[in-house]
Amino acid sequence: ARLRHFRIRGGMEIEDISRVTKISPNYLRYIEEERFADLPAPVYVRGFVTAYANCVGLEGKYVAASYMKRFDQGSRGRRKGRFFESR
C-alpha cells in the first residue's frame, strides 16, 4: 500500500514506473496488490521492489526488506500447498 500511495502522491502511473525501472507493468501491479503467487523468484522481487521504491522517492532497501517479510510468509503457504501436501 505504501508504494501505491507514494506513486499516486507523486502523480505517477504504473506505466511511468515501468518506463523508468524497466519492470513489467504487470509485475508492478502484482507488487502493489501483494499477489505473491504471480510474482517471480524472490531475488527478482527484491530487486523489483527496491527499484520501484527508489523510483517513488523511498529508501529501497528498507521497503524491500519489509516487503520481503510479507512475500516470504505468503510464499511459504503457497510452497507448502504445491509441494508438500501433494505427496
PDB file of N, CA and C in Angstrom:
ATOM      1  N   ALA A   1       0.818  -1.191   0.000  1.00  0.00           N
ATOM      2  CA  ALA A   1       0.000   0.000   0.000  1.00  0.00           C
ATOM      3  C   ALA A   1       0.868   1.264   0.000  1.00  0.00           C
ATOM      4  N   ARG A   2       2.027   1.183   0.647  1.00  0.00           N
ATOM      5  CA  ARG A   2       2.910   2.352   0.724  1.00  0.00           C
ATOM      6  C   ARG A   2       3.439   2.726  -0.663  1.00  0.00           C
ATOM      7  N   LEU A   3       3.818   1.729  -1.452  1.00  0.00           N
ATOM      8  CA  LEU A   3       4.328   2.028  -2.793  1.00  0.00           C
ATOM      9  C   LEU A   3       3.249   2.694  -3.642  1.00  0.00           C
ATOM     10  N   ARG A   4       2.072   2.135  -3.628  1.00  0.00           N
ATOM     11  CA  ARG A   4       0.965   2.707  -4.404  1.00  0.00           C
ATOM     12  C   ARG A   4       0.677   4.136  -3.950  1.00  0.00           C
ATOM     13  N   HIS A   5       0.645   4.336  -2.636  1.00  0.00           N
ATOM     14  CA  HIS A   5       0.381   5.667  -2.082  1.00  0.00           C
ATOM     15  C   HIS A   5       1.406   6.683  -2.589  1.00  0.00           C
ATOM     16  N   PHE A   6       2.682   6.343  -2.522  1.00  0.00           N
ATOM     17  CA  PHE A   6       3.713   7.276  -2.959  1.00  0.00           C
ATOM     18  C   PHE A   6       3.701   7.474  -4.472  1.00  0.00           C
ATOM     19  N   ARG A   7       3.352   6.419  -5.221  1.00  0.00           N
ATOM     20  CA  ARG A   7       3.246   6.552  -6.677  1.00  0.00           C
ATOM     21  C   ARG A   7       2.151   7.547  -7.033  1.00  0.00           C
ATOM     22  N   ILE A   8       0.986   7.373  -6.431  1.00  0.00           N
ATOM     23  CA  ILE A   8      -0.150   8.254  -6.718  1.00  0.00           C
ATOM     24  C   ILE A   8       0.142   9.668  -6.228  1.00  0.00           C
ATOM     25  N   ARG A   9       0.700   9.773  -5.034  1.00  0.00           N
ATOM     26  CA  ARG A   9       1.053  11.087  -4.473  1.00  0.00           C
ATOM     27  C   ARG A   9       2.015  11.841  -5.394  1.00  0.00           C
ATOM     28  N   GLY A  10       2.895  11.098  -6.045  1.00  0.00           N
ATOM     29  CA  GLY A  10       3.848  11.704  -6.966  1.00  0.00           C
ATOM     30  C   GLY A  10       3.275  11.938  -8.359  1.00  0.00           C
ATOM     31  N   GLY A  11       2.004  11.596  -8.551  1.00  0.00           N
ATOM     32  CA  GLY A  11       1.352  11.814  -9.844  1.00  0.00           C
ATOM     33  C   GLY A  11       1.830  10.857 -10.920  1.00  0.00           C
ATOM     34  N   MET A  12       2.282   9.680 -10.531  1.00  0.00           N
ATOM     35  CA  MET A  12       2.802   8.707 -11.496  1.00  0.00           C
ATOM     36  C   MET A  12       1.822   7.571 -11.720  1.00  0.00           C
ATOM     37  N   GLU A  13       1.845   7.063 -12.919  1.00  0.00           N
ATOM     38  CA  GLU A  13       1.078   5.875 -13.286  1.00  0.00           C
ATOM     39  C   GLU A  13       2.022   4.678 -13.274  1.00  0.00           C
ATOM     40  N   ILE A  14       1.450   3.498 -13.244  1.00  0.00           N
ATOM     41  CA  ILE A  14       2.247   2.266 -13.300  1.00  0.00           C
ATOM     42  C   ILE A  14       3.181   2.293 -14.510  1.00  0.00           C
ATOM     43  N   GLU A  15       2.667   2.759 -15.634  1.00  0.00           N
ATOM     44  CA  GLU A  15       3.466   2.790 -16.867  1.00  0.00           C
ATOM     45  C   GLU A  15       4.681   3.705 -16.727  1.00  0.00           C
ATOM     46  N   ASP A  16       4.552   4.787 -15.957  1.00  0.00           N
ATOM     47  CA  ASP A  16       5.686   5.682 -15.709  1.00  0.00           C
ATOM     48  C   ASP A  16       6.777   4.952 -14.932  1.00  0.00           C
ATOM     49  N   ILE A  17       6.379   4.227 -13.908  1.00  0.00           N
ATOM     50  CA  ILE A  17       7.339   3.462 -13.111  1.00  0.00           C
ATOM     51  C   ILE A  17       7.994   2.393 -13.986  1.00  0.00           C
ATOM     52  N   SER A  18       7.192   1.753 -14.816  1.00  0.00           N
ATOM     53  CA  SER A  18       7.704   0.713 -15.703  1.00  0.00           C
ATOM     54  C   SER A  18       8.759   1.259 -16.668  1.00  0.00           C
ATOM     55  N   ARG A  19       8.496   2.429 -17.222  1.00  0.00           N
ATOM     56  CA  ARG A  19       9.455   3.042 -18.159  1.00  0.00           C
ATOM     57  C   ARG A  19      10.792   3.328 -17.484  1.00  0.00           C
ATOM     58  N   VAL A  20      10.737   3.817 -16.267  1.00  0.00           N
ATOM     59  CA  VAL A  20      11.959   4.175 -15.544  1.00  0.00           C
ATOM     60  C   VAL A  20      12.713   2.935 -15.072  1.00  0.00           C
ATOM     61  N   THR A  21      11.978   1.962 -14.521  1.00  0.00           N
ATOM     62  CA  THR A  21      12.621   0.798 -13.900  1.00  0.00           C
ATOM     63  C   THR A  21      12.834  -0.366 -14.865  1.00  0.00           C
ATOM     64  N   LYS A  22      12.143  -0.337 -16.004  1.00  0.00           N
ATOM     65  CA  LYS A  22      12.177  -1.439 -16.974  1.00  0.00           C
ATOM     66  C   LYS A  22      11.546  -2.717 -16.418  1.00  0.00           C
ATOM     67  N   ILE A  23      10.642  -2.565 -15.442  1.00  0.00           N
ATOM     68  CA  ILE A  23       9.915  -3.692 -14.859  1.00  0.00           C
ATOM     69  C   ILE A  23       8.543  -3.755 -15.507  1.00  0.00           C
ATOM     70  N   SER A  24       8.098  -4.940 -15.829  1.00  0.00           N
ATOM     71  CA  SER A  24       6.790  -5.139 -16.444  1.00  0.00           C
ATOM     72  C   SER A  24       5.690  -4.466 -15.616  1.00  0.00           C
ATOM     73  N   PRO A  25       4.786  -3.750 -16.274  1.00  0.00           N
ATOM     74  CA  PRO A  25       3.658  -3.154 -15.543  1.00  0.00           C
ATOM     75  C   PRO A  25       2.863  -4.195 -14.756  1.00  0.00           C
ATOM     76  N   ASN A  26       2.746  -5.401 -15.296  1.00  0.00           N
ATOM     77  CA  ASN A  26       2.016  -6.452 -14.575  1.00  0.00           C
ATOM     78  C   ASN A  26       2.692  -6.768 -13.252  1.00  0.00           C
ATOM     79  N   TYR A  27       4.002  -6.925 -13.258  1.00  0.00           N
ATOM     80  CA  TYR A  27       4.718  -7.210 -12.008  1.00  0.00           C
ATOM     81  C   TYR A  27       4.560  -6.059 -11.018  1.00  0.00           C
ATOM     82  N   LEU A  28       4.577  -4.835 -11.502  1.00  0.00           N
ATOM     83  CA  LEU A  28       4.390  -3.690 -10.607  1.00  0.00           C
ATOM     84  C   LEU A  28       3.008  -3.731  -9.960  1.00  0.00           C
ATOM     85  N   ARG A  29       1.997  -4.093 -10.733  1.00  0.00           N
ATOM     86  CA  ARG A  29       0.643  -4.226 -10.180  1.00  0.00           C
ATOM     87  C   ARG A  29       0.594  -5.352  -9.152  1.00  0.00           C
ATOM     88  N   TYR A  30       1.218  -6.486  -9.489  1.00  0.00           N
ATOM     89  CA  TYR A  30       1.233  -7.618  -8.564  1.00  0.00           C
ATOM     90  C   TYR A  30       1.928  -7.241  -7.261  1.00  0.00           C
ATOM     91  N   ILE A  31       2.988  -6.456  -7.357  1.00  0.00           N
ATOM     92  CA  ILE A  31       3.689  -5.986  -6.157  1.00  0.00           C
ATOM     93  C   ILE A  31       2.757  -5.123  -5.324  1.00  0.00           C
ATOM     94  N   GLU A  32       2.103  -4.169  -5.939  1.00  0.00           N
ATOM     95  CA  GLU A  32       1.181  -3.293  -5.212  1.00  0.00           C
ATOM     96  C   GLU A  32       0.059  -4.084  -4.552  1.00  0.00           C
ATOM     97  N   GLU A  33      -0.444  -5.071  -5.237  1.00  0.00           N
ATOM     98  CA  GLU A  33      -1.581  -5.854  -4.748  1.00  0.00           C
ATOM     99  C   GLU A  33      -1.157  -7.025  -3.874  1.00  0.00           C
ATOM    100  N   GLU A  34       0.144  -7.192  -3.698  1.00  0.00           N
ATOM    101  CA  GLU A  34       0.718  -8.310  -2.934  1.00  0.00           C
ATOM    102  C   GLU A  34       0.191  -9.654  -3.436  1.00  0.00           C
ATOM    103  N   ARG A  35       0.172  -9.793  -4.741  1.00  0.00           N
ATOM    104  CA  ARG A  35      -0.225 -11.053  -5.382  1.00  0.00           C
ATOM    105  C   ARG A  35       1.024 -11.919  -5.513  1.00  0.00           C
ATOM    106  N   PHE A  36       1.464 -12.453  -4.382  1.00  0.00           N
ATOM    107  CA  PHE A  36       2.729 -13.155  -4.298  1.00  0.00           C
ATOM    108  C   PHE A  36       2.819 -14.344  -5.253  1.00  0.00           C
ATOM    109  N   ALA A  37       1.727 -15.037  -5.453  1.00  0.00           N
ATOM    110  CA  ALA A  37       1.728 -16.218  -6.326  1.00  0.00           C
ATOM    111  C   ALA A  37       2.030 -15.861  -7.774  1.00  0.00           C
ATOM    112  N   ASP A  38       1.793 -14.620  -8.157  1.00  0.00           N
ATOM    113  CA  ASP A  38       2.004 -14.200  -9.542  1.00  0.00           C
ATOM    114  C   ASP A  38       3.379 -13.573  -9.771  1.00  0.00           C
ATOM    115  N   LEU A  39       4.165 -13.465  -8.716  1.00  0.00           N
ATOM    116  CA  LEU A  39       5.491 -12.838  -8.822  1.00  0.00           C
ATOM    117  C   LEU A  39       6.561 -13.890  -9.071  1.00  0.00           C
ATOM    118  N   PRO A  40       7.686 -13.474  -9.660  1.00  0.00           N
ATOM    119  CA  PRO A  40       8.780 -14.422  -9.939  1.00  0.00           C
ATOM    120  C   PRO A  40       9.552 -14.775  -8.662  1.00  0.00           C
ATOM    121  N   ALA A  41      10.710 -15.362  -8.830  1.00  0.00           N
ATOM    122  CA  ALA A  41      11.567 -15.787  -7.716  1.00  0.00           C
ATOM    123  C   ALA A  41      11.911 -14.612  -6.798  1.00  0.00           C
ATOM    124  N   PRO A  42      12.116 -14.894  -5.514  1.00  0.00           N
ATOM    125  CA  PRO A  42      12.396 -13.836  -4.539  1.00  0.00           C
ATOM    126  C   PRO A  42      13.526 -12.883  -4.922  1.00  0.00           C
ATOM    127  N   VAL A  43      14.576 -13.375  -5.526  1.00  0.00           N
ATOM    128  CA  VAL A  43      15.692 -12.494  -5.887  1.00  0.00           C
ATOM    129  C   VAL A  43      15.236 -11.397  -6.850  1.00  0.00           C
ATOM    130  N   TYR A  44      14.339 -11.727  -7.757  1.00  0.00           N
ATOM    131  CA  TYR A  44      13.804 -10.733  -8.686  1.00  0.00           C
ATOM    132  C   TYR A  44      12.859  -9.777  -7.965  1.00  0.00           C
ATOM    133  N   VAL A  45      12.007 -10.325  -7.114  1.00  0.00           N
ATOM    134  CA  VAL A  45      11.039  -9.500  -6.393  1.00  0.00           C
ATOM    135  C   VAL A  45      11.765  -8.449  -5.558  1.00  0.00           C
ATOM    136  N   ARG A  46      12.813  -8.859  -4.846  1.00  0.00           N
ATOM    137  CA  ARG A  46      13.580  -7.909  -4.030  1.00  0.00           C
ATOM    138  C   ARG A  46      14.113  -6.769  -4.902  1.00  0.00           C
ATOM    139  N   GLY A  47      14.670  -7.100  -6.037  1.00  0.00           N
ATOM    140  CA  GLY A  47      15.186  -6.071  -6.948  1.00  0.00           C
ATOM    141  C   GLY A  47      14.087  -5.174  -7.493  1.00  0.00           C
ATOM    142  N   PHE A  48      12.962  -5.774  -7.847  1.00  0.00           N
ATOM    143  CA  PHE A  48      11.841  -5.001  -8.377  1.00  0.00           C
ATOM    144  C   PHE A  48      11.319  -4.017  -7.330  1.00  0.00           C
ATOM    145  N   VAL A  49      11.131  -4.509  -6.106  1.00  0.00           N
ATOM    146  CA  VAL A  49      10.598  -3.653  -5.048  1.00  0.00           C
ATOM    147  C   VAL A  49      11.587  -2.534  -4.721  1.00  0.00           C
ATOM    148  N   THR A  50      12.869  -2.860  -4.688  1.00  0.00           N
ATOM    149  CA  THR A  50      13.894  -1.847  -4.419  1.00  0.00           C
ATOM    150  C   THR A  50      13.858  -0.752  -5.481  1.00  0.00           C
ATOM    151  N   ALA A  51      13.820  -1.161  -6.746  1.00  0.00           N
ATOM    152  CA  ALA A  51      13.790  -0.191  -7.847  1.00  0.00           C
ATOM    153  C   ALA A  51      12.520   0.647  -7.809  1.00  0.00           C
ATOM    154  N   TYR A  52      11.386   0.012  -7.566  1.00  0.00           N
ATOM    155  CA  TYR A  52      10.110   0.710  -7.500  1.00  0.00           C
ATOM    156  C   TYR A  52      10.149   1.749  -6.373  1.00  0.00           C
ATOM    157  N   ALA A  53      10.576   1.324  -5.190  1.00  0.00           N
ATOM    158  CA  ALA A  53      10.629   2.233  -4.044  1.00  0.00           C
ATOM    159  C   ALA A  53      11.548   3.416  -4.320  1.00  0.00           C
ATOM    160  N   ASN A  54      12.723   3.155  -4.857  1.00  0.00           N
ATOM    161  CA  ASN A  54      13.650   4.248  -5.190  1.00  0.00           C
ATOM    162  C   ASN A  54      13.021   5.212  -6.185  1.00  0.00           C
ATOM    163  N   CYS A  55      12.279   4.678  -7.131  1.00  0.00           N
ATOM    164  CA  CYS A  55      11.657   5.494  -8.173  1.00  0.00           C
ATOM    165  C   CYS A  55      10.620   6.462  -7.602  1.00  0.00           C
ATOM    166  N   VAL A  56       9.931   6.049  -6.535  1.00  0.00           N
ATOM    167  CA  VAL A  56       8.907   6.919  -5.956  1.00  0.00           C
ATOM    168  C   VAL A  56       9.429   7.723  -4.767  1.00  0.00           C
ATOM    169  N   GLY A  57      10.743   7.674  -4.543  1.00  0.00           N
ATOM    170  CA  GLY A  57      11.350   8.518  -3.520  1.00  0.00           C
ATOM    171  C   GLY A  57      11.481   7.893  -2.144  1.00  0.00           C
ATOM    172  N   LEU A  58      11.339   6.583  -2.059  1.00  0.00           N
ATOM    173  CA  LEU A  58      11.503   5.891  -0.783  1.00  0.00           C
ATOM    174  C   LEU A  58      12.886   5.242  -0.729  1.00  0.00           C
ATOM    175  N   GLU A  59      13.287   4.819   0.446  1.00  0.00           N
ATOM    176  CA  GLU A  59      14.560   4.121   0.624  1.00  0.00           C
ATOM    177  C   GLU A  59      14.355   2.653   0.264  1.00  0.00           C
ATOM    178  N   GLY A  60      14.797   2.293  -0.923  1.00  0.00           N
ATOM    179  CA  GLY A  60      14.512   0.985  -1.491  1.00  0.00           C
ATOM    180  C   GLY A  60      14.875  -0.205  -0.638  1.00  0.00           C
ATOM    181  N   LYS A  61      16.045  -0.176  -0.011  1.00  0.00           N
ATOM    182  CA  LYS A  61      16.472  -1.368   0.732  1.00  0.00           C
ATOM    183  C   LYS A  61      15.579  -1.624   1.950  1.00  0.00           C
ATOM    184  N   TYR A  62      15.057  -0.567   2.563  1.00  0.00           N
ATOM    185  CA  TYR A  62      14.187  -0.739   3.727  1.00  0.00           C
ATOM    186  C   TYR A  62      12.791  -1.197   3.310  1.00  0.00           C
ATOM    187  N   VAL A  63      12.294  -0.627   2.243  1.00  0.00           N
ATOM    188  CA  VAL A  63      10.983  -1.034   1.737  1.00  0.00           C
ATOM    189  C   VAL A  63      11.046  -2.492   1.292  1.00  0.00           C
ATOM    190  N   ALA A  64      12.116  -2.857   0.595  1.00  0.00           N
ATOM    191  CA  ALA A  64      12.261  -4.230   0.118  1.00  0.00           C
ATOM    192  C   ALA A  64      12.342  -5.210   1.284  1.00  0.00           C
ATOM    193  N   ALA A  65      13.067  -4.864   2.327  1.00  0.00           N
ATOM    194  CA  ALA A  65      13.180  -5.759   3.493  1.00  0.00           C
ATOM    195  C   ALA A  65      11.808  -6.011   4.110  1.00  0.00           C
ATOM    196  N   SER A  66      11.020  -4.961   4.262  1.00  0.00           N
ATOM    197  CA  SER A  66       9.680  -5.083   4.824  1.00  0.00           C
ATOM    198  C   SER A  66       8.786  -5.912   3.898  1.00  0.00           C
ATOM    199  N   TYR A  67       8.845  -5.626   2.608  1.00  0.00           N
ATOM    200  CA  TYR A  67       8.018  -6.328   1.629  1.00  0.00           C
ATOM    201  C   TYR A  67       8.375  -7.813   1.589  1.00  0.00           C
ATOM    202  N   MET A  68       9.677  -8.111   1.630  1.00  0.00           N
ATOM    203  CA  MET A  68      10.116  -9.498   1.512  1.00  0.00           C
ATOM    204  C   MET A  68       9.670 -10.345   2.703  1.00  0.00           C
ATOM    205  N   LYS A  69       9.496  -9.742   3.867  1.00  0.00           N
ATOM    206  CA  LYS A  69       8.956 -10.495   5.013  1.00  0.00           C
ATOM    207  C   LYS A  69       7.548 -10.976   4.690  1.00  0.00           C
ATOM    208  N   ARG A  70       6.730 -10.086   4.132  1.00  0.00           N
ATOM    209  CA  ARG A  70       5.362 -10.471   3.754  1.00  0.00           C
ATOM    210  C   ARG A  70       5.382 -11.460   2.595  1.00  0.00           C
ATOM    211  N   PHE A  71       6.271 -11.232   1.638  1.00  0.00           N
ATOM    212  CA  PHE A  71       6.397 -12.135   0.489  1.00  0.00           C
ATOM    213  C   PHE A  71       6.762 -13.539   0.960  1.00  0.00           C
ATOM    214  N   ASP A  72       7.739 -13.642   1.858  1.00  0.00           N
ATOM    215  CA  ASP A  72       8.166 -14.947   2.363  1.00  0.00           C
ATOM    216  C   ASP A  72       7.029 -15.647   3.095  1.00  0.00           C
ATOM    217  N   GLN A  73       6.274 -14.905   3.893  1.00  0.00           N
ATOM    218  CA  GLN A  73       5.147 -15.501   4.611  1.00  0.00           C
ATOM    219  C   GLN A  73       4.077 -15.973   3.633  1.00  0.00           C
ATOM    220  N   GLY A  74       3.795 -15.161   2.634  1.00  0.00           N
ATOM    221  CA  GLY A  74       2.800 -15.528   1.629  1.00  0.00           C
ATOM    222  C   GLY A  74       3.250 -16.686   0.771  1.00  0.00           C
ATOM    223  N   SER A  75       4.542 -16.758   0.481  1.00  0.00           N
ATOM    224  CA  SER A  75       5.080 -17.826  -0.353  1.00  0.00           C
ATOM    225  C   SER A  75       5.167 -19.142   0.396  1.00  0.00           C
ATOM    226  N   ARG A  76       5.382 -19.082   1.699  1.00  0.00           N
ATOM    227  CA  ARG A  76       5.504 -20.305   2.499  1.00  0.00           C
ATOM    228  C   ARG A  76       4.248 -21.151   2.383  1.00  0.00           C
ATOM    229  N   GLY A  77       3.112 -20.524   2.494  1.00  0.00           N
ATOM    230  CA  GLY A  77       1.854 -21.252   2.368  1.00  0.00           C
ATOM    231  C   GLY A  77       1.663 -21.798   0.968  1.00  0.00           C
ATOM    232  N   ARG A  78       2.072 -21.032  -0.019  1.00  0.00           N
ATOM    233  CA  ARG A  78       1.948 -21.461  -1.409  1.00  0.00           C
ATOM    234  C   ARG A  78       2.839 -22.660  -1.669  1.00  0.00           C
ATOM    235  N   ARG A  79       4.087 -22.604  -1.194  1.00  0.00           N
ATOM    236  CA  ARG A  79       5.020 -23.719  -1.398  1.00  0.00           C
ATOM    237  C   ARG A  79       4.504 -24.974  -0.717  1.00  0.00           C
ATOM    238  N   LYS A  80       4.020 -24.829   0.491  1.00  0.00           N
ATOM    239  CA  LYS A  80       3.535 -25.973   1.229  1.00  0.00           C
ATOM    240  C   LYS A  80       2.393 -26.651   0.474  1.00  0.00           C
ATOM    241  N   GLY A  81       1.481 -25.854  -0.013  1.00  0.00           N
ATOM    242  CA  GLY A  81       0.343 -26.415  -0.730  1.00  0.00           C
ATOM    243  C   GLY A  81       0.733 -27.079  -2.034  1.00  0.00           C
ATOM    244  N   ARG A  82       1.693 -26.552  -2.721  1.00  0.00           N
ATOM    245  CA  ARG A  82       2.065 -27.084  -4.030  1.00  0.00           C
ATOM    246  C   ARG A  82       2.980 -28.294  -3.941  1.00  0.00           C
ATOM    247  N   PHE A  83       3.891 -28.311  -2.997  1.00  0.00           N
ATOM    248  CA  PHE A  83       4.898 -29.362  -2.997  1.00  0.00           C
ATOM    249  C   PHE A  83       4.700 -30.421  -1.919  1.00  0.00           C
ATOM    250  N   PHE A  84       4.333 -30.013  -0.739  1.00  0.00           N
ATOM    251  CA  PHE A  84       4.321 -30.966   0.356  1.00  0.00           C
ATOM    252  C   PHE A  84       3.001 -31.698   0.496  1.00  0.00           C
ATOM    253  N   GLU A  85       1.898 -31.019   0.320  1.00  0.00           N
ATOM    254  CA  GLU A  85       0.621 -31.667   0.504  1.00  0.00           C
ATOM    255  C   GLU A  85       0.268 -32.613  -0.651  1.00  0.00           C
ATOM    256  N   SER A  86       0.874 -32.428  -1.803  1.00  0.00           N
ATOM    257  CA  SER A  86       0.546 -33.251  -2.954  1.00  0.00           C
ATOM    258  C   SER A  86       1.264 -34.598  -2.932  1.00  0.00           C
ATOM    259  N   ARG A  87       2.200 -34.784  -2.015  1.00  0.00           N
ATOM    260  CA  ARG A  87       2.969 -36.055  -1.968  1.00  0.00           C
ATOM    261  C   ARG A  87       2.345 -37.056  -1.065  1.00  0.00           C
TER     262      ARG A  87
END
